[in-house]
Amino acid sequence: MQKRIRINQYIRAEELRIIGPEGQNLGVLSLKDALEQAKAAGVDLIEISPNSNPPIAKIMDYGKYQYLENKKLKQSRTKSRTVEIKSIQIKIGTGEHDLTLKAKKVAEWLSEGHRVKIDLFLPGRTKYLDPKFLKDRMERFLKLIPKEYKTAEEPKKSPKGLMVIIEKA
């Protein structure tokens, strides 16, 4: 949804703080005077900040203004990057070599900027093992990760067993 921008005679405010075509501050002027200046320059009067007191308007070509706004919007979209939560599952009986391989994969995801959810899967009766023992197992895996990280969410019980979320430091 794009916000509605008022230009020329559609501006409602009686007084406006005016910014000139070259970016200079022309001060607070009445709407009538501002419209006359814009007409003399052969461009439009565009209300930029309607919520300020007094509202701010700029004397410039409306087409150029729209172009610049769209350019800013596109730039912000390309800079924003969605952070995915990758997930990896380990078990109590998983061997040391397999844990090392999974730790390398986690480090790879962290270097790409993703958050990683690590599930210590506890089937059947293993869910009722000593919580300290389970946390030690999780810590053992976390120590194998070769990349710097910080824990976003501390280890806690989950439907599958024990879960922790880590992210790039």
N, C-alpha and C. Protein backbone atom coordinates (compact mmCIF):
# COMPACT_ATOMS: atom_id res chain seq x y z
N MET A 1 0.84 -1.18 0.00
CA MET A 1 0.00 0.00 0.00
C MET A 1 0.88 1.25 0.00
N GLN A 2 0.60 2.15 -0.91
CA GLN A 2 1.40 3.36 -1.01
C GLN A 2 0.62 4.51 -0.37
N LYS A 3 1.34 5.35 0.40
CA LYS A 3 0.65 6.47 1.04
C LYS A 3 0.31 7.53 0.00
N ARG A 4 -0.75 8.23 0.25
CA ARG A 4 -1.24 9.26 -0.66
C ARG A 4 -0.44 10.54 -0.45
N ILE A 5 0.10 11.08 -1.51
CA ILE A 5 0.91 12.30 -1.43
C ILE A 5 0.11 13.44 -2.03
N ARG A 6 0.02 14.53 -1.28
CA ARG A 6 -0.73 15.69 -1.76
C ARG A 6 0.22 16.62 -2.52
N ILE A 7 -0.26 17.10 -3.65
CA ILE A 7 0.53 18.05 -4.43
C ILE A 7 -0.32 19.27 -4.80
N ASN A 8 0.36 20.37 -5.02
CA ASN A 8 -0.25 21.63 -5.46
C ASN A 8 -1.52 22.00 -4.71
N GLN A 9 -2.65 22.15 -5.41
CA GLN A 9 -3.86 22.66 -4.77
C GLN A 9 -4.51 21.66 -3.82
N TYR A 10 -4.03 20.41 -3.77
CA TYR A 10 -4.62 19.41 -2.88
C TYR A 10 -4.03 19.48 -1.46
N ILE A 11 -3.03 20.30 -1.26
CA ILE A 11 -2.45 20.48 0.07
C ILE A 11 -3.42 21.28 0.92
N ARG A 12 -3.68 20.82 2.15
CA ARG A 12 -4.70 21.43 3.00
C ARG A 12 -4.16 22.46 3.98
N ALA A 13 -2.90 22.37 4.35
CA ALA A 13 -2.35 23.24 5.39
C ALA A 13 -2.29 24.69 4.92
N GLU A 14 -2.48 25.61 5.87
CA GLU A 14 -2.43 27.04 5.55
C GLU A 14 -0.99 27.52 5.40
N GLU A 15 -0.11 27.02 6.32
CA GLU A 15 1.30 27.40 6.28
C GLU A 15 2.15 26.15 6.12
N LEU A 16 3.25 26.29 5.39
CA LEU A 16 4.14 25.16 5.13
C LEU A 16 5.59 25.59 5.29
N ARG A 17 6.41 24.65 5.74
CA ARG A 17 7.87 24.88 5.73
C ARG A 17 8.33 24.41 4.36
N ILE A 18 8.93 25.30 3.59
CA ILE A 18 9.23 25.02 2.20
C ILE A 18 10.72 24.74 1.99
N ILE A 19 10.97 23.70 1.20
CA ILE A 19 12.34 23.36 0.77
C ILE A 19 12.39 23.65 -0.72
N GLY A 20 13.37 24.43 -1.13
CA GLY A 20 13.50 24.86 -2.52
C GLY A 20 13.94 23.75 -3.46
N PRO A 21 13.99 24.06 -4.75
CA PRO A 21 14.37 23.05 -5.76
C PRO A 21 15.80 22.52 -5.59
N GLU A 22 16.71 23.34 -5.07
CA GLU A 22 18.09 22.89 -4.86
C GLU A 22 18.32 22.38 -3.44
N GLY A 23 17.25 22.23 -2.65
CA GLY A 23 17.38 21.69 -1.30
C GLY A 23 17.56 22.76 -0.24
N GLN A 24 17.51 24.03 -0.60
CA GLN A 24 17.67 25.09 0.40
C GLN A 24 16.36 25.31 1.16
N ASN A 25 16.47 25.73 2.43
CA ASN A 25 15.31 25.97 3.27
C ASN A 25 14.80 27.38 3.00
N LEU A 26 13.56 27.49 2.53
CA LEU A 26 12.98 28.80 2.24
C LEU A 26 12.15 29.34 3.40
N GLY A 27 12.05 28.57 4.48
CA GLY A 27 11.32 29.01 5.66
C GLY A 27 9.85 28.66 5.59
N VAL A 28 9.08 29.27 6.52
CA VAL A 28 7.64 29.02 6.60
C VAL A 28 6.92 30.04 5.73
N LEU A 29 6.14 29.52 4.77
CA LEU A 29 5.38 30.39 3.86
C LEU A 29 3.92 29.97 3.85
N SER A 30 3.06 30.88 3.40
CA SER A 30 1.66 30.52 3.24
C SER A 30 1.54 29.62 2.02
N LEU A 31 0.46 28.86 1.97
CA LEU A 31 0.23 27.94 0.87
C LEU A 31 0.19 28.70 -0.47
N LYS A 32 -0.45 29.85 -0.47
CA LYS A 32 -0.59 30.66 -1.68
C LYS A 32 0.78 31.09 -2.22
N ASP A 33 1.67 31.59 -1.31
CA ASP A 33 3.01 32.02 -1.72
C ASP A 33 3.84 30.84 -2.24
N ALA A 34 3.71 29.72 -1.56
CA ALA A 34 4.47 28.53 -1.95
C ALA A 34 4.04 28.05 -3.34
N LEU A 35 2.74 28.04 -3.58
CA LEU A 35 2.23 27.63 -4.90
C LEU A 35 2.71 28.57 -6.00
N GLU A 36 2.76 29.87 -5.69
CA GLU A 36 3.25 30.85 -6.67
C GLU A 36 4.72 30.60 -7.01
N GLN A 37 5.52 30.30 -5.98
CA GLN A 37 6.95 30.02 -6.21
C GLN A 37 7.13 28.77 -7.06
N ALA A 38 6.33 27.74 -6.76
CA ALA A 38 6.42 26.49 -7.52
C ALA A 38 6.04 26.72 -8.97
N LYS A 39 4.99 27.51 -9.18
CA LYS A 39 4.52 27.80 -10.54
C LYS A 39 5.57 28.61 -11.31
N ALA A 40 6.21 29.56 -10.59
CA ALA A 40 7.26 30.38 -11.22
C ALA A 40 8.45 29.52 -11.64
N ALA A 41 8.74 28.48 -10.84
CA ALA A 41 9.86 27.58 -11.17
C ALA A 41 9.45 26.55 -12.23
N GLY A 42 8.15 26.43 -12.48
CA GLY A 42 7.66 25.49 -13.49
C GLY A 42 7.61 24.05 -13.01
N VAL A 43 7.51 23.88 -11.68
CA VAL A 43 7.43 22.53 -11.10
C VAL A 43 6.27 22.47 -10.11
N ASP A 44 6.20 21.37 -9.35
CA ASP A 44 5.10 21.16 -8.41
C ASP A 44 5.51 21.45 -6.98
N LEU A 45 4.50 21.63 -6.13
CA LEU A 45 4.69 21.75 -4.69
C LEU A 45 4.21 20.42 -4.10
N ILE A 46 5.12 19.69 -3.48
CA ILE A 46 4.82 18.35 -2.97
C ILE A 46 4.91 18.34 -1.46
N GLU A 47 3.83 17.87 -0.80
CA GLU A 47 3.81 17.77 0.67
C GLU A 47 4.60 16.51 1.05
N ILE A 48 5.75 16.71 1.71
CA ILE A 48 6.62 15.59 2.04
C ILE A 48 6.32 15.01 3.41
N SER A 49 6.16 15.90 4.39
CA SER A 49 5.90 15.46 5.76
C SER A 49 4.65 16.15 6.30
N PRO A 50 3.46 15.55 6.09
CA PRO A 50 2.22 16.20 6.48
C PRO A 50 1.99 16.23 8.00
N ASN A 51 2.66 15.35 8.75
CA ASN A 51 2.41 15.26 10.19
C ASN A 51 3.22 16.22 11.03
N SER A 52 4.24 16.85 10.47
CA SER A 52 5.04 17.78 11.26
C SER A 52 4.29 19.10 11.41
N ASN A 53 4.81 19.95 12.28
CA ASN A 53 4.14 21.23 12.53
C ASN A 53 5.10 22.37 12.29
N PRO A 54 4.99 23.21 11.31
CA PRO A 54 4.06 23.12 10.18
C PRO A 54 4.51 22.02 9.21
N PRO A 55 3.58 21.54 8.36
CA PRO A 55 3.94 20.49 7.39
C PRO A 55 5.07 20.93 6.46
N ILE A 56 5.85 19.96 6.00
CA ILE A 56 6.99 20.27 5.14
C ILE A 56 6.63 19.95 3.70
N ALA A 57 6.93 20.89 2.81
CA ALA A 57 6.66 20.70 1.39
C ALA A 57 7.93 21.04 0.60
N LYS A 58 8.05 20.41 -0.56
CA LYS A 58 9.24 20.63 -1.39
C LYS A 58 8.81 21.07 -2.78
N ILE A 59 9.57 22.01 -3.32
CA ILE A 59 9.32 22.47 -4.69
C ILE A 59 10.19 21.64 -5.62
N MET A 60 9.55 20.74 -6.38
CA MET A 60 10.28 19.90 -7.34
C MET A 60 9.29 19.24 -8.29
N ASP A 61 9.81 18.63 -9.34
CA ASP A 61 8.97 17.93 -10.31
C ASP A 61 8.40 16.67 -9.66
N TYR A 62 7.09 16.47 -9.79
CA TYR A 62 6.44 15.32 -9.15
C TYR A 62 6.91 13.99 -9.73
N GLY A 63 7.14 13.94 -11.02
CA GLY A 63 7.64 12.71 -11.66
C GLY A 63 9.00 12.31 -11.12
N LYS A 64 9.87 13.30 -10.94
CA LYS A 64 11.20 13.04 -10.39
C LYS A 64 11.09 12.55 -8.94
N TYR A 65 10.17 13.16 -8.20
CA TYR A 65 9.95 12.76 -6.79
C TYR A 65 9.52 11.29 -6.72
N GLN A 66 8.55 10.91 -7.57
CA GLN A 66 8.09 9.52 -7.59
C GLN A 66 9.23 8.57 -7.96
N TYR A 67 10.04 8.96 -8.92
CA TYR A 67 11.18 8.14 -9.35
C TYR A 67 12.14 7.92 -8.19
N LEU A 68 12.47 9.00 -7.47
CA LEU A 68 13.40 8.89 -6.34
C LEU A 68 12.83 8.02 -5.23
N GLU A 69 11.53 8.16 -4.95
CA GLU A 69 10.89 7.34 -3.90
C GLU A 69 10.91 5.86 -4.27
N ASN A 70 10.60 5.55 -5.53
CA ASN A 70 10.63 4.15 -5.98
C ASN A 70 12.04 3.58 -5.92
N LYS A 71 13.02 4.41 -6.24
CA LYS A 71 14.42 3.99 -6.18
C LYS A 71 14.80 3.64 -4.74
N LYS A 72 14.40 4.49 -3.78
CA LYS A 72 14.67 4.23 -2.35
C LYS A 72 14.01 2.93 -1.91
N LEU A 73 12.77 2.72 -2.34
CA LEU A 73 12.02 1.53 -1.97
C LEU A 73 12.70 0.26 -2.50
N LYS A 74 13.15 0.31 -3.76
CA LYS A 74 13.84 -0.84 -4.35
C LYS A 74 15.14 -1.13 -3.62
N GLN A 75 15.88 -0.07 -3.27
CA GLN A 75 17.14 -0.25 -2.56
C GLN A 75 16.91 -0.90 -1.20
N SER A 76 15.89 -0.46 -0.49
CA SER A 76 15.62 -1.03 0.84
C SER A 76 15.20 -2.49 0.72
N ARG A 77 14.49 -2.83 -0.37
CA ARG A 77 14.09 -4.23 -0.57
C ARG A 77 15.29 -5.12 -0.85
N THR A 78 16.24 -4.61 -1.64
CA THR A 78 17.40 -5.44 -1.95
C THR A 78 18.31 -5.59 -0.74
N LYS A 79 18.36 -4.59 0.12
CA LYS A 79 19.21 -4.69 1.31
C LYS A 79 18.62 -5.58 2.37
N SER A 80 17.28 -5.61 2.47
CA SER A 80 16.66 -6.44 3.49
C SER A 80 16.76 -7.90 3.05
N ARG A 81 17.17 -8.74 3.97
CA ARG A 81 17.37 -10.14 3.66
C ARG A 81 16.64 -10.97 4.69
N THR A 82 15.86 -11.93 4.24
CA THR A 82 15.12 -12.76 5.17
C THR A 82 16.07 -13.76 5.80
N VAL A 83 16.00 -13.85 7.12
CA VAL A 83 16.84 -14.79 7.85
C VAL A 83 16.02 -16.05 8.05
N GLU A 84 16.53 -17.12 7.50
CA GLU A 84 15.84 -18.39 7.60
C GLU A 84 16.29 -19.11 8.86
N ILE A 85 15.40 -19.89 9.44
CA ILE A 85 15.80 -20.74 10.56
C ILE A 85 16.01 -22.14 9.99
N LYS A 86 17.28 -22.53 9.93
CA LYS A 86 17.62 -23.87 9.47
C LYS A 86 17.50 -24.80 10.67
N SER A 87 17.24 -26.06 10.41
CA SER A 87 17.03 -27.00 11.51
C SER A 87 17.90 -28.24 11.31
N ILE A 88 18.47 -28.71 12.41
CA ILE A 88 19.27 -29.93 12.36
C ILE A 88 18.89 -30.78 13.57
N GLN A 89 18.91 -32.08 13.38
CA GLN A 89 18.47 -32.99 14.44
C GLN A 89 19.61 -33.94 14.81
N ILE A 90 19.84 -34.06 16.11
CA ILE A 90 20.83 -35.02 16.60
C ILE A 90 20.15 -35.93 17.61
N LYS A 91 20.77 -37.07 17.85
CA LYS A 91 20.22 -38.02 18.83
C LYS A 91 21.28 -38.30 19.88
N ILE A 92 20.86 -38.87 20.98
CA ILE A 92 21.81 -39.15 22.07
C ILE A 92 22.89 -40.12 21.60
N GLY A 93 22.52 -41.12 20.81
CA GLY A 93 23.47 -42.13 20.38
C GLY A 93 24.25 -41.79 19.12
N THR A 94 24.13 -40.57 18.61
CA THR A 94 24.83 -40.21 17.39
C THR A 94 26.34 -40.23 17.62
N GLY A 95 27.06 -40.84 16.69
CA GLY A 95 28.50 -40.98 16.83
C GLY A 95 29.25 -39.66 16.68
N GLU A 96 30.50 -39.67 17.16
CA GLU A 96 31.32 -38.45 17.17
C GLU A 96 31.57 -37.91 15.75
N HIS A 97 31.84 -38.80 14.81
CA HIS A 97 32.11 -38.37 13.44
C HIS A 97 30.88 -37.69 12.82
N ASP A 98 29.70 -38.30 13.02
CA ASP A 98 28.46 -37.72 12.48
C ASP A 98 28.18 -36.36 13.12
N LEU A 99 28.44 -36.25 14.41
CA LEU A 99 28.24 -34.96 15.09
C LEU A 99 29.16 -33.90 14.51
N THR A 100 30.40 -34.27 14.19
CA THR A 100 31.36 -33.33 13.61
C THR A 100 30.88 -32.85 12.25
N LEU A 101 30.36 -33.78 11.43
CA LEU A 101 29.84 -33.40 10.11
C LEU A 101 28.66 -32.44 10.24
N LYS A 102 27.77 -32.74 11.18
CA LYS A 102 26.60 -31.88 11.38
C LYS A 102 27.03 -30.51 11.92
N ALA A 103 28.05 -30.49 12.77
CA ALA A 103 28.55 -29.23 13.31
C ALA A 103 29.13 -28.36 12.20
N LYS A 104 29.83 -28.99 11.24
CA LYS A 104 30.37 -28.24 10.10
C LYS A 104 29.24 -27.64 9.27
N LYS A 105 28.15 -28.40 9.09
CA LYS A 105 27.00 -27.92 8.33
C LYS A 105 26.37 -26.72 9.05
N VAL A 106 26.27 -26.80 10.37
CA VAL A 106 25.72 -25.71 11.18
C VAL A 106 26.61 -24.47 11.01
N ALA A 107 27.93 -24.65 11.04
CA ALA A 107 28.86 -23.53 10.88
C ALA A 107 28.68 -22.88 9.51
N GLU A 108 28.44 -23.70 8.49
CA GLU A 108 28.22 -23.19 7.15
C GLU A 108 26.96 -22.32 7.10
N TRP A 109 25.89 -22.80 7.73
CA TRP A 109 24.64 -22.03 7.78
C TRP A 109 24.83 -20.72 8.54
N LEU A 110 25.58 -20.78 9.64
CA LEU A 110 25.82 -19.57 10.43
C LEU A 110 26.59 -18.54 9.62
N SER A 111 27.57 -18.99 8.82
CA SER A 111 28.35 -18.05 8.03
C SER A 111 27.51 -17.42 6.92
N GLU A 112 26.43 -18.10 6.51
CA GLU A 112 25.50 -17.53 5.53
C GLU A 112 24.53 -16.55 6.18
N GLY A 113 24.55 -16.49 7.52
CA GLY A 113 23.70 -15.53 8.23
C GLY A 113 22.38 -16.10 8.73
N HIS A 114 22.19 -17.40 8.63
CA HIS A 114 20.93 -18.01 9.08
C HIS A 114 20.98 -18.32 10.58
N ARG A 115 19.81 -18.41 11.18
CA ARG A 115 19.71 -18.91 12.55
C ARG A 115 19.59 -20.43 12.43
N VAL A 116 20.05 -21.15 13.42
CA VAL A 116 20.00 -22.61 13.37
C VAL A 116 19.32 -23.15 14.61
N LYS A 117 18.32 -24.01 14.38
CA LYS A 117 17.60 -24.67 15.47
C LYS A 117 18.17 -26.08 15.57
N ILE A 118 18.70 -26.40 16.74
CA ILE A 118 19.29 -27.72 16.97
C ILE A 118 18.35 -28.51 17.88
N ASP A 119 17.87 -29.64 17.36
CA ASP A 119 16.97 -30.51 18.13
C ASP A 119 17.74 -31.72 18.60
N LEU A 120 17.72 -31.95 19.91
CA LEU A 120 18.24 -33.21 20.45
C LEU A 120 17.03 -34.12 20.53
N PHE A 121 16.90 -35.01 19.54
CA PHE A 121 15.72 -35.87 19.42
C PHE A 121 15.75 -36.95 20.48
N LEU A 122 14.67 -37.06 21.23
CA LEU A 122 14.58 -38.04 22.31
C LEU A 122 13.38 -38.95 22.08
N PRO A 123 13.60 -40.12 21.48
CA PRO A 123 12.48 -41.03 21.25
C PRO A 123 12.11 -41.82 22.51
N GLY A 124 10.84 -42.11 22.66
CA GLY A 124 10.37 -42.99 23.73
C GLY A 124 10.79 -42.59 25.13
N ARG A 125 11.40 -43.55 25.84
CA ARG A 125 11.76 -43.35 27.25
C ARG A 125 12.90 -42.36 27.46
N THR A 126 13.68 -42.10 26.43
CA THR A 126 14.82 -41.19 26.60
C THR A 126 14.37 -39.78 26.98
N LYS A 127 13.10 -39.47 26.74
CA LYS A 127 12.59 -38.15 27.12
C LYS A 127 12.66 -37.92 28.63
N TYR A 128 12.68 -39.02 29.38
CA TYR A 128 12.63 -38.92 30.84
C TYR A 128 13.99 -39.09 31.49
N LEU A 129 15.07 -39.01 30.71
CA LEU A 129 16.42 -39.08 31.27
C LEU A 129 16.69 -37.82 32.08
N ASP A 130 17.76 -37.86 32.87
CA ASP A 130 18.14 -36.73 33.71
C ASP A 130 18.37 -35.47 32.85
N PRO A 131 17.69 -34.35 33.15
CA PRO A 131 17.84 -33.13 32.34
C PRO A 131 19.29 -32.63 32.26
N LYS A 132 20.07 -32.83 33.35
CA LYS A 132 21.47 -32.41 33.34
C LYS A 132 22.25 -33.21 32.30
N PHE A 133 21.99 -34.51 32.21
CA PHE A 133 22.64 -35.37 31.23
C PHE A 133 22.30 -34.92 29.80
N LEU A 134 21.03 -34.57 29.58
CA LEU A 134 20.59 -34.13 28.25
C LEU A 134 21.25 -32.81 27.86
N LYS A 135 21.36 -31.88 28.82
CA LYS A 135 22.01 -30.60 28.54
C LYS A 135 23.50 -30.80 28.24
N ASP A 136 24.12 -31.74 28.94
CA ASP A 136 25.53 -32.05 28.67
C ASP A 136 25.69 -32.57 27.24
N ARG A 137 24.76 -33.39 26.77
CA ARG A 137 24.81 -33.91 25.40
C ARG A 137 24.70 -32.76 24.40
N MET A 138 23.80 -31.83 24.70
CA MET A 138 23.62 -30.68 23.81
C MET A 138 24.89 -29.83 23.80
N GLU A 139 25.46 -29.59 24.97
CA GLU A 139 26.70 -28.80 25.08
C GLU A 139 27.84 -29.46 24.32
N ARG A 140 27.90 -30.80 24.39
CA ARG A 140 28.93 -31.55 23.67
C ARG A 140 28.87 -31.25 22.17
N PHE A 141 27.64 -31.20 21.63
CA PHE A 141 27.48 -30.89 20.21
C PHE A 141 27.84 -29.43 19.94
N LEU A 142 27.40 -28.53 20.79
CA LEU A 142 27.65 -27.10 20.58
C LEU A 142 29.15 -26.79 20.59
N LYS A 143 29.93 -27.52 21.38
CA LYS A 143 31.38 -27.30 21.44
C LYS A 143 32.07 -27.72 20.14
N LEU A 144 31.43 -28.60 19.36
CA LEU A 144 32.01 -29.07 18.11
C LEU A 144 31.88 -28.06 16.97
N ILE A 145 31.00 -27.07 17.14
CA ILE A 145 30.76 -26.09 16.07
C ILE A 145 31.98 -25.18 15.95
N PRO A 146 32.65 -25.17 14.77
CA PRO A 146 33.90 -24.41 14.63
C PRO A 146 33.71 -22.89 14.48
N LYS A 147 32.50 -22.43 14.28
CA LYS A 147 32.25 -21.00 14.05
C LYS A 147 31.77 -20.33 15.34
N GLU A 148 32.10 -19.02 15.47
CA GLU A 148 31.61 -18.24 16.61
C GLU A 148 30.10 -18.09 16.49
N TYR A 149 29.39 -18.25 17.60
CA TYR A 149 27.94 -18.10 17.59
C TYR A 149 27.48 -17.60 18.96
N LYS A 150 26.21 -17.19 19.00
CA LYS A 150 25.60 -16.85 20.29
C LYS A 150 24.25 -17.54 20.34
N THR A 151 23.81 -17.90 21.54
CA THR A 151 22.54 -18.59 21.66
C THR A 151 21.41 -17.57 21.69
N ALA A 152 20.47 -17.72 20.75
CA ALA A 152 19.32 -16.84 20.68
C ALA A 152 18.27 -17.28 21.70
N GLU A 153 18.11 -18.59 21.84
CA GLU A 153 17.20 -19.17 22.83
C GLU A 153 17.94 -20.28 23.56
N GLU A 154 17.91 -20.21 24.87
CA GLU A 154 18.58 -21.21 25.71
C GLU A 154 17.96 -22.60 25.48
N PRO A 155 18.72 -23.67 25.80
CA PRO A 155 18.17 -25.02 25.64
C PRO A 155 16.89 -25.19 26.47
N LYS A 156 15.84 -25.69 25.82
CA LYS A 156 14.58 -25.90 26.53
C LYS A 156 13.87 -27.11 25.97
N LYS A 157 12.91 -27.61 26.72
CA LYS A 157 12.13 -28.78 26.31
C LYS A 157 11.30 -28.43 25.09
N SER A 158 11.20 -29.37 24.17
CA SER A 158 10.36 -29.22 22.99
C SER A 158 9.62 -30.54 22.79
N PRO A 159 8.65 -30.57 21.89
CA PRO A 159 7.92 -31.83 21.67
C PRO A 159 8.83 -32.98 21.26
N LYS A 160 9.92 -32.67 20.53
CA LYS A 160 10.84 -33.72 20.09
C LYS A 160 11.85 -34.10 21.17
N GLY A 161 12.09 -33.21 22.10
CA GLY A 161 13.09 -33.47 23.14
C GLY A 161 13.65 -32.18 23.70
N LEU A 162 14.88 -31.85 23.30
CA LEU A 162 15.54 -30.63 23.78
C LEU A 162 15.91 -29.79 22.56
N MET A 163 15.73 -28.45 22.66
CA MET A 163 15.92 -27.59 21.51
C MET A 163 16.68 -26.34 21.92
N VAL A 164 17.58 -25.88 21.02
CA VAL A 164 18.29 -24.63 21.23
C VAL A 164 18.40 -23.92 19.87
N ILE A 165 18.33 -22.58 19.90
CA ILE A 165 18.48 -21.81 18.65
C ILE A 165 19.72 -20.95 18.79
N ILE A 166 20.59 -21.03 17.78
CA ILE A 166 21.82 -20.23 17.80
C ILE A 166 21.86 -19.34 16.56
N GLU A 167 22.66 -18.28 16.65
CA GLU A 167 22.83 -17.36 15.51
C GLU A 167 24.25 -16.84 15.49
N LYS A 168 24.58 -16.19 14.37
CA LYS A 168 25.92 -15.66 14.17
C LYS A 168 26.25 -14.62 15.24
N ALA A 169 27.46 -14.68 15.76
CA ALA A 169 27.87 -13.76 16.82
C ALA A 169 28.15 -12.38 16.28
